[in-house]
Amino acid sequence: MSILEQPTRQPAQPTRSHAQPTRRHAQPAKAIMTLDLHNDRHAPVIAVSGEVDMSTAHLISELAEHVITRRPARLVLDLSGVTFFSAHGISALLRTQRAAESAEVALALRAAAPCVTYLLSVTSTGIDLDIPVINASR
């Protein structure tokens, strides 16, 4: 039997007319990534948690660019809650770095997760990734 000949549906099960329909309560979907914007010692902080991949990375740079339009003296990216970090995350950091430089806003990473520091250390992008990393306790 070929794939085209195989049945794609299970046969319908007869239902009882007197049976009560069952309601299934769907659990809310867990977010892939969350962004939290708050102020910490006179500097806006964007805290990133979860997976930074091709479907989420752009959100970091978009939020950062929005904050940068307010012209704070410094912007902090807290990447301590990141569980997965792809090359798209690097692109988002580079876009954010360029936007901060053009607006003369200092950009700092706070407590980057090991997956972030590893990817930043092993990749050679040809663009200066000299973003100062500040201690998480500051």
C-alpha atoms as a PDB file:
ATOM      1  CA  MET A   1       0.000   0.000   0.000  1.00  0.00           C
ATOM      2  CA  SER A   2       1.424   3.375  -0.930  1.00  0.00           C
ATOM      3  CA  ILE A   3       1.258   6.479   1.190  1.00  0.00           C
ATOM      4  CA  LEU A   4      -1.525   7.808  -1.000  1.00  0.00           C
ATOM      5  CA  GLU A   5      -3.636   4.746  -0.293  1.00  0.00           C
ATOM      6  CA  GLN A   6      -3.253   4.817   3.462  1.00  0.00           C
ATOM      7  CA  PRO A   7      -6.222   6.175   5.377  1.00  0.00           C
ATOM      8  CA  THR A   8      -5.639   9.632   6.798  1.00  0.00           C
ATOM      9  CA  ARG A   9      -8.525   9.684   9.270  1.00  0.00           C
ATOM     10  CA  GLN A  10      -9.784   7.372  11.909  1.00  0.00           C
ATOM     11  CA  PRO A  11     -13.305   6.140  11.298  1.00  0.00           C
ATOM     12  CA  ALA A  12     -15.899   8.156  13.133  1.00  0.00           C
ATOM     13  CA  GLN A  13     -17.045   6.639  16.379  1.00  0.00           C
ATOM     14  CA  PRO A  14     -20.777   6.487  16.903  1.00  0.00           C
ATOM     15  CA  THR A  15     -21.958   8.924  19.521  1.00  0.00           C
ATOM     16  CA  ARG A  16     -24.746   8.498  21.989  1.00  0.00           C
ATOM     17  CA  SER A  17     -27.498  10.993  21.596  1.00  0.00           C
ATOM     18  CA  HIS A  18     -28.075  11.187  25.353  1.00  0.00           C
ATOM     19  CA  ALA A  19     -24.422  11.669  26.275  1.00  0.00           C
ATOM     20  CA  GLN A  20     -23.386  15.037  27.619  1.00  0.00           C
ATOM     21  CA  PRO A  21     -20.739  16.774  25.532  1.00  0.00           C
ATOM     22  CA  THR A  22     -17.427  16.985  27.310  1.00  0.00           C
ATOM     23  CA  ARG A  23     -15.774  20.338  27.586  1.00  0.00           C
ATOM     24  CA  ARG A  24     -12.061  20.501  27.558  1.00  0.00           C
ATOM     25  CA  HIS A  25     -10.434  23.495  29.113  1.00  0.00           C
ATOM     26  CA  ALA A  26      -7.393  24.399  27.128  1.00  0.00           C
ATOM     27  CA  GLN A  27      -4.356  25.422  29.096  1.00  0.00           C
ATOM     28  CA  PRO A  28      -2.938  28.782  28.055  1.00  0.00           C
ATOM     29  CA  ALA A  29       0.083  28.428  25.825  1.00  0.00           C
ATOM     30  CA  LYS A  30       3.420  29.106  27.456  1.00  0.00           C
ATOM     31  CA  ALA A  31       5.244  32.056  25.925  1.00  0.00           C
ATOM     32  CA  ILE A  32       8.365  31.248  23.932  1.00  0.00           C
ATOM     33  CA  MET A  33       9.982  34.503  25.005  1.00  0.00           C
ATOM     34  CA  THR A  34       8.999  37.325  27.310  1.00  0.00           C
ATOM     35  CA  LEU A  35      10.255  40.895  27.460  1.00  0.00           C
ATOM     36  CA  ASP A  36       9.956  43.036  30.571  1.00  0.00           C
ATOM     37  CA  LEU A  37      10.722  46.752  30.475  1.00  0.00           C
ATOM     38  CA  HIS A  38      11.379  48.500  33.776  1.00  0.00           C
ATOM     39  CA  ASN A  39      13.628  51.227  35.211  1.00  0.00           C
ATOM     40  CA  ASP A  40      16.555  50.345  37.443  1.00  0.00           C
ATOM     41  CA  ARG A  41      18.637  53.153  38.948  1.00  0.00           C
ATOM     42  CA  HIS A  42      17.654  55.714  36.333  1.00  0.00           C
ATOM     43  CA  ALA A  43      18.288  53.391  33.371  1.00  0.00           C
ATOM     44  CA  PRO A  44      15.701  51.444  31.433  1.00  0.00           C
ATOM     45  CA  VAL A  45      16.206  47.670  31.603  1.00  0.00           C
ATOM     46  CA  ILE A  46      14.861  45.189  29.075  1.00  0.00           C
ATOM     47  CA  ALA A  47      14.795  41.757  30.705  1.00  0.00           C
ATOM     48  CA  VAL A  48      14.630  38.903  28.203  1.00  0.00           C
ATOM     49  CA  SER A  49      13.488  35.411  29.218  1.00  0.00           C
ATOM     50  CA  GLY A  50      13.049  32.287  27.121  1.00  0.00           C
ATOM     51  CA  GLU A  51      14.118  31.437  23.597  1.00  0.00           C
ATOM     52  CA  VAL A  52      15.671  34.001  21.276  1.00  0.00           C
ATOM     53  CA  ASP A  53      15.310  32.596  17.778  1.00  0.00           C
ATOM     54  CA  MET A  54      14.198  33.636  14.305  1.00  0.00           C
ATOM     55  CA  SER A  55      10.603  34.154  15.418  1.00  0.00           C
ATOM     56  CA  THR A  56      11.367  36.242  18.517  1.00  0.00           C
ATOM     57  CA  ALA A  57      14.714  38.029  18.132  1.00  0.00           C
ATOM     58  CA  HIS A  58      13.316  40.991  16.213  1.00  0.00           C
ATOM     59  CA  LEU A  59      11.124  41.860  19.188  1.00  0.00           C
ATOM     60  CA  ILE A  60      14.203  42.649  21.280  1.00  0.00           C
ATOM     61  CA  SER A  61      15.595  45.139  18.783  1.00  0.00           C
ATOM     62  CA  GLU A  62      12.168  46.671  18.162  1.00  0.00           C
ATOM     63  CA  LEU A  63      11.576  47.293  21.869  1.00  0.00           C
ATOM     64  CA  ALA A  64      15.134  48.534  22.351  1.00  0.00           C
ATOM     65  CA  GLU A  65      14.818  50.941  19.417  1.00  0.00           C
ATOM     66  CA  HIS A  66      11.579  52.264  20.896  1.00  0.00           C
ATOM     67  CA  VAL A  67      13.296  52.863  24.242  1.00  0.00           C
ATOM     68  CA  ILE A  68      16.302  54.456  22.511  1.00  0.00           C
ATOM     69  CA  THR A  69      14.021  57.044  20.864  1.00  0.00           C
ATOM     70  CA  ARG A  70      13.449  58.410  24.386  1.00  0.00           C
ATOM     71  CA  ARG A  71      17.234  59.111  24.548  1.00  0.00           C
ATOM     72  CA  PRO A  72      18.138  57.625  27.933  1.00  0.00           C
ATOM     73  CA  ALA A  73      21.782  57.946  28.951  1.00  0.00           C
ATOM     74  CA  ARG A  74      22.059  54.160  29.131  1.00  0.00           C
ATOM     75  CA  LEU A  75      20.052  51.080  28.149  1.00  0.00           C
ATOM     76  CA  VAL A  76      20.570  47.727  29.879  1.00  0.00           C
ATOM     77  CA  LEU A  77      19.721  44.377  28.325  1.00  0.00           C
ATOM     78  CA  ASP A  78      19.306  41.701  30.985  1.00  0.00           C
ATOM     79  CA  LEU A  79      19.813  38.363  29.231  1.00  0.00           C
ATOM     80  CA  SER A  80      20.048  36.205  32.351  1.00  0.00           C
ATOM     81  CA  GLY A  81      16.744  34.451  31.640  1.00  0.00           C
ATOM     82  CA  VAL A  82      17.579  33.396  28.089  1.00  0.00           C
ATOM     83  CA  THR A  83      17.362  29.618  27.599  1.00  0.00           C
ATOM     84  CA  PHE A  84      18.197  29.462  23.877  1.00  0.00           C
ATOM     85  CA  PHE A  85      20.077  31.994  21.772  1.00  0.00           C
ATOM     86  CA  SER A  86      20.477  31.741  18.000  1.00  0.00           C
ATOM     87  CA  ALA A  87      22.310  33.773  15.379  1.00  0.00           C
ATOM     88  CA  HIS A  88      19.142  35.829  15.036  1.00  0.00           C
ATOM     89  CA  GLY A  89      19.776  36.991  18.594  1.00  0.00           C
ATOM     90  CA  ILE A  90      23.191  38.251  17.532  1.00  0.00           C
ATOM     91  CA  SER A  91      21.548  40.164  14.686  1.00  0.00           C
ATOM     92  CA  ALA A  92      19.109  41.722  17.146  1.00  0.00           C
ATOM     93  CA  LEU A  93      21.986  42.764  19.426  1.00  0.00           C
ATOM     94  CA  LEU A  94      23.868  44.272  16.498  1.00  0.00           C
ATOM     95  CA  ARG A  95      20.813  46.252  15.360  1.00  0.00           C
ATOM     96  CA  THR A  96      20.309  47.438  18.925  1.00  0.00           C
ATOM     97  CA  GLN A  97      23.983  48.375  19.239  1.00  0.00           C
ATOM     98  CA  ARG A  98      23.870  50.393  15.992  1.00  0.00           C
ATOM     99  CA  ALA A  99      20.699  52.199  17.079  1.00  0.00           C
ATOM    100  CA  ALA A 100      22.216  52.992  20.483  1.00  0.00           C
ATOM    101  CA  GLU A 101      25.444  54.277  18.949  1.00  0.00           C
ATOM    102  CA  SER A 102      23.637  56.544  16.507  1.00  0.00           C
ATOM    103  CA  ALA A 103      21.520  57.966  19.347  1.00  0.00           C
ATOM    104  CA  GLU A 104      24.560  58.217  21.652  1.00  0.00           C
ATOM    105  CA  VAL A 105      22.981  55.879  24.205  1.00  0.00           C
ATOM    106  CA  ALA A 106      25.285  53.590  26.173  1.00  0.00           C
ATOM    107  CA  LEU A 107      24.317  49.932  25.821  1.00  0.00           C
ATOM    108  CA  ALA A 108      25.174  47.273  28.400  1.00  0.00           C
ATOM    109  CA  LEU A 109      24.461  43.574  28.818  1.00  0.00           C
ATOM    110  CA  ARG A 110      23.638  42.380  32.311  1.00  0.00           C
ATOM    111  CA  ALA A 111      24.220  38.804  33.414  1.00  0.00           C
ATOM    112  CA  ALA A 112      24.013  37.170  30.016  1.00  0.00           C
ATOM    113  CA  ALA A 113      23.056  33.492  30.200  1.00  0.00           C
ATOM    114  CA  PRO A 114      25.745  30.919  29.296  1.00  0.00           C
ATOM    115  CA  CYS A 115      24.100  30.179  25.929  1.00  0.00           C
ATOM    116  CA  VAL A 116      24.414  33.877  25.041  1.00  0.00           C
ATOM    117  CA  THR A 117      28.011  34.330  26.171  1.00  0.00           C
ATOM    118  CA  TYR A 118      29.039  31.113  24.425  1.00  0.00           C
ATOM    119  CA  LEU A 119      27.578  32.131  21.072  1.00  0.00           C
ATOM    120  CA  LEU A 120      28.998  35.642  21.343  1.00  0.00           C
ATOM    121  CA  SER A 121      32.451  34.254  22.154  1.00  0.00           C
ATOM    122  CA  VAL A 122      32.616  31.671  19.339  1.00  0.00           C
ATOM    123  CA  THR A 123      31.148  33.705  16.497  1.00  0.00           C
ATOM    124  CA  SER A 124      33.130  36.066  14.358  1.00  0.00           C
ATOM    125  CA  THR A 125      30.686  38.559  12.889  1.00  0.00           C
ATOM    126  CA  GLY A 126      33.164  41.102  11.538  1.00  0.00           C
ATOM    127  CA  ILE A 127      31.295  43.809  13.460  1.00  0.00           C
ATOM    128  CA  ASP A 128      32.485  45.135  16.796  1.00  0.00           C
ATOM    129  CA  LEU A 129      30.574  43.356  19.554  1.00  0.00           C
ATOM    130  CA  ASP A 130      32.278  45.316  22.297  1.00  0.00           C
ATOM    131  CA  ILE A 131      29.218  45.677  24.495  1.00  0.00           C
ATOM    132  CA  PRO A 132      30.282  46.056  28.129  1.00  0.00           C
ATOM    133  CA  VAL A 133      28.955  43.316  30.388  1.00  0.00           C
ATOM    134  CA  ILE A 134      27.994  44.631  33.808  1.00  0.00           C
ATOM    135  CA  ASN A 135      27.598  42.635  36.987  1.00  0.00           C
ATOM    136  CA  ALA A 136      24.109  41.358  37.821  1.00  0.00           C
ATOM    137  CA  SER A 137      24.244  42.927  41.283  1.00  0.00           C
ATOM    138  CA  ARG A 138      24.513  46.439  39.949  1.00  0.00           C
END
